[in-house]
């Protein structure tokens, strides 16, 4: 089982990649020391609540998204079909939100 630090680091790296953002750019944009962001990115440390909120605001996601595992291996074929029709320029976090919405609708029907 992955630790919260590993899950957060993976999510941060995915968000950075989806934006084409490097460590230095993120550090400047959220006004946090480069070394601190590097520690987050490599799973050595977790951000404090204020920094978590800065990241959530920056990436337009909620804190739960940053700290939760997002396994895409469990997607249904319907969710995969919808996801395949999303534009290539759609940010990764928006794609995941759409997929999560579809999965939640399906669960509510059961």
C-alpha atoms as a PDB file:
ATOM      1  CA  UNK A   1       0.000   0.000   0.000  1.00  0.00           C
ATOM      2  CA  UNK A   2       1.295   3.435  -0.929  1.00  0.00           C
ATOM      3  CA  UNK A   3       1.930   6.018   1.763  1.00  0.00           C
ATOM      4  CA  UNK A   4       0.151   9.375   1.708  1.00  0.00           C
ATOM      5  CA  UNK A   5       3.480  10.987   0.757  1.00  0.00           C
ATOM      6  CA  UNK A   6       3.824   8.690  -2.262  1.00  0.00           C
ATOM      7  CA  UNK A   7       0.226   9.231  -3.344  1.00  0.00           C
ATOM      8  CA  UNK A   8       0.556  12.992  -2.996  1.00  0.00           C
ATOM      9  CA  UNK A   9       3.891  13.023  -4.870  1.00  0.00           C
ATOM     10  CA  UNK A  10       2.394  10.999  -7.722  1.00  0.00           C
ATOM     11  CA  UNK A  11      -0.616  13.333  -7.960  1.00  0.00           C
ATOM     12  CA  UNK A  12       1.596  16.424  -7.843  1.00  0.00           C
ATOM     13  CA  UNK A  13       3.852  15.067 -10.565  1.00  0.00           C
ATOM     14  CA  UNK A  14       0.836  14.196 -12.741  1.00  0.00           C
ATOM     15  CA  UNK A  15      -0.611  17.677 -12.328  1.00  0.00           C
ATOM     16  CA  UNK A  16       2.727  19.307 -13.085  1.00  0.00           C
ATOM     17  CA  UNK A  17       3.109  17.156 -16.185  1.00  0.00           C
ATOM     18  CA  UNK A  18      -0.434  17.934 -17.372  1.00  0.00           C
ATOM     19  CA  UNK A  19       0.405  21.642 -17.183  1.00  0.00           C
ATOM     20  CA  UNK A  20       3.888  21.287 -18.650  1.00  0.00           C
ATOM     21  CA  UNK A  21       5.176  22.866 -15.469  1.00  0.00           C
ATOM     22  CA  UNK A  22       8.608  22.300 -13.953  1.00  0.00           C
ATOM     23  CA  UNK A  23       9.668  22.489 -10.323  1.00  0.00           C
ATOM     24  CA  UNK A  24      11.022  26.013 -10.577  1.00  0.00           C
ATOM     25  CA  UNK A  25       7.860  27.346 -12.227  1.00  0.00           C
ATOM     26  CA  UNK A  26       5.589  25.762  -9.626  1.00  0.00           C
ATOM     27  CA  UNK A  27       7.755  27.053  -6.809  1.00  0.00           C
ATOM     28  CA  UNK A  28       7.551  30.600  -8.175  1.00  0.00           C
ATOM     29  CA  UNK A  29       3.816  30.448  -8.888  1.00  0.00           C
ATOM     30  CA  UNK A  30       2.795  29.319  -5.403  1.00  0.00           C
ATOM     31  CA  UNK A  31       5.572  31.249  -3.637  1.00  0.00           C
ATOM     32  CA  UNK A  32       7.131  28.257  -1.871  1.00  0.00           C
ATOM     33  CA  UNK A  33      10.847  27.464  -1.694  1.00  0.00           C
ATOM     34  CA  UNK A  34      12.182  25.297  -4.524  1.00  0.00           C
ATOM     35  CA  UNK A  35      13.674  22.803  -2.039  1.00  0.00           C
ATOM     36  CA  UNK A  36      10.337  22.424  -0.271  1.00  0.00           C
ATOM     37  CA  UNK A  37       8.457  21.733  -3.498  1.00  0.00           C
ATOM     38  CA  UNK A  38      11.211  19.268  -4.452  1.00  0.00           C
ATOM     39  CA  UNK A  39      10.660  17.422  -1.162  1.00  0.00           C
ATOM     40  CA  UNK A  40       6.941  17.187  -1.946  1.00  0.00           C
ATOM     41  CA  UNK A  41       7.580  16.063  -5.499  1.00  0.00           C
ATOM     42  CA  UNK A  42       9.817  13.224  -4.327  1.00  0.00           C
ATOM     43  CA  UNK A  43       7.564  12.125  -1.457  1.00  0.00           C
ATOM     44  CA  UNK A  44      10.001  13.148   1.265  1.00  0.00           C
ATOM     45  CA  UNK A  45       7.562  15.545   2.933  1.00  0.00           C
ATOM     46  CA  UNK A  46       3.904  16.544   2.851  1.00  0.00           C
ATOM     47  CA  UNK A  47       2.813  20.162   2.517  1.00  0.00           C
ATOM     48  CA  UNK A  48       1.120  21.881   5.424  1.00  0.00           C
ATOM     49  CA  UNK A  49      -2.548  22.763   5.071  1.00  0.00           C
ATOM     50  CA  UNK A  50      -1.914  26.295   3.757  1.00  0.00           C
ATOM     51  CA  UNK A  51       0.389  24.998   1.043  1.00  0.00           C
ATOM     52  CA  UNK A  52      -2.029  22.194   0.178  1.00  0.00           C
ATOM     53  CA  UNK A  53      -4.679  24.851  -0.384  1.00  0.00           C
ATOM     54  CA  UNK A  54      -2.295  26.896  -2.560  1.00  0.00           C
ATOM     55  CA  UNK A  55      -1.672  23.820  -4.696  1.00  0.00           C
ATOM     56  CA  UNK A  56      -5.379  22.982  -4.898  1.00  0.00           C
ATOM     57  CA  UNK A  57      -6.167  26.542  -5.962  1.00  0.00           C
ATOM     58  CA  UNK A  58      -3.318  26.600  -8.463  1.00  0.00           C
ATOM     59  CA  UNK A  59      -4.409  23.355 -10.137  1.00  0.00           C
ATOM     60  CA  UNK A  60      -8.144  23.998  -9.643  1.00  0.00           C
ATOM     61  CA  UNK A  61      -8.694  20.745  -7.759  1.00  0.00           C
ATOM     62  CA  UNK A  62      -9.738  20.044  -4.190  1.00  0.00           C
ATOM     63  CA  UNK A  63      -7.368  18.914  -1.460  1.00  0.00           C
ATOM     64  CA  UNK A  64      -8.896  15.442  -1.480  1.00  0.00           C
ATOM     65  CA  UNK A  65      -7.869  15.077  -5.123  1.00  0.00           C
ATOM     66  CA  UNK A  66      -4.267  15.869  -4.158  1.00  0.00           C
ATOM     67  CA  UNK A  67      -4.167  13.339  -1.341  1.00  0.00           C
ATOM     68  CA  UNK A  68      -6.228  10.460  -2.778  1.00  0.00           C
ATOM     69  CA  UNK A  69      -5.210   7.575  -4.972  1.00  0.00           C
ATOM     70  CA  UNK A  70      -6.554   7.746  -8.540  1.00  0.00           C
ATOM     71  CA  UNK A  71      -6.338   4.276  -9.983  1.00  0.00           C
ATOM     72  CA  UNK A  72      -7.326   4.341 -13.634  1.00  0.00           C
ATOM     73  CA  UNK A  73      -7.054   0.551 -13.921  1.00  0.00           C
ATOM     74  CA  UNK A  74     -10.593   0.141 -12.561  1.00  0.00           C
ATOM     75  CA  UNK A  75     -12.374   2.214 -15.186  1.00  0.00           C
ATOM     76  CA  UNK A  76     -15.403   0.750 -16.846  1.00  0.00           C
ATOM     77  CA  UNK A  77     -15.498   0.495 -20.610  1.00  0.00           C
ATOM     78  CA  UNK A  78     -18.182   3.232 -20.711  1.00  0.00           C
ATOM     79  CA  UNK A  79     -15.951   5.606 -18.756  1.00  0.00           C
ATOM     80  CA  UNK A  80     -13.026   4.759 -21.027  1.00  0.00           C
ATOM     81  CA  UNK A  81     -15.163   5.504 -24.088  1.00  0.00           C
ATOM     82  CA  UNK A  82     -16.196   8.907 -22.732  1.00  0.00           C
ATOM     83  CA  UNK A  83     -12.624   9.687 -21.685  1.00  0.00           C
ATOM     84  CA  UNK A  84     -11.388   8.831 -25.178  1.00  0.00           C
ATOM     85  CA  UNK A  85     -13.606  11.573 -26.625  1.00  0.00           C
ATOM     86  CA  UNK A  86     -12.234  14.324 -24.409  1.00  0.00           C
ATOM     87  CA  UNK A  87     -10.061  16.836 -26.261  1.00  0.00           C
ATOM     88  CA  UNK A  88      -6.292  16.322 -26.066  1.00  0.00           C
ATOM     89  CA  UNK A  89      -5.883  19.754 -24.492  1.00  0.00           C
ATOM     90  CA  UNK A  90      -8.209  18.921 -21.590  1.00  0.00           C
ATOM     91  CA  UNK A  91      -6.130  19.005 -18.376  1.00  0.00           C
ATOM     92  CA  UNK A  92      -5.603  15.643 -16.698  1.00  0.00           C
ATOM     93  CA  UNK A  93      -7.426  16.676 -13.517  1.00  0.00           C
ATOM     94  CA  UNK A  94     -10.532  17.598 -15.551  1.00  0.00           C
ATOM     95  CA  UNK A  95     -10.445  14.246 -17.319  1.00  0.00           C
ATOM     96  CA  UNK A  96     -10.277  12.483 -13.971  1.00  0.00           C
ATOM     97  CA  UNK A  97     -13.159  14.552 -12.605  1.00  0.00           C
ATOM     98  CA  UNK A  98     -15.316  13.567 -15.596  1.00  0.00           C
ATOM     99  CA  UNK A  99     -14.437   9.906 -15.144  1.00  0.00           C
ATOM    100  CA  UNK A 100     -15.162  10.094 -11.398  1.00  0.00           C
ATOM    101  CA  UNK A 101     -18.526  11.724 -12.130  1.00  0.00           C
ATOM    102  CA  UNK A 102     -19.488   8.913 -14.496  1.00  0.00           C
ATOM    103  CA  UNK A 103     -18.437   6.263 -11.985  1.00  0.00           C
ATOM    104  CA  UNK A 104     -20.434   7.984  -9.223  1.00  0.00           C
ATOM    105  CA  UNK A 105     -23.537   8.098 -11.446  1.00  0.00           C
ATOM    106  CA  UNK A 106     -23.201   4.398 -12.095  1.00  0.00           C
ATOM    107  CA  UNK A 107     -22.850   3.627  -8.379  1.00  0.00           C
ATOM    108  CA  UNK A 108     -25.939   5.716  -7.587  1.00  0.00           C
ATOM    109  CA  UNK A 109     -28.027   3.573  -9.972  1.00  0.00           C
ATOM    110  CA  UNK A 110     -27.176   0.398  -8.077  1.00  0.00           C
END
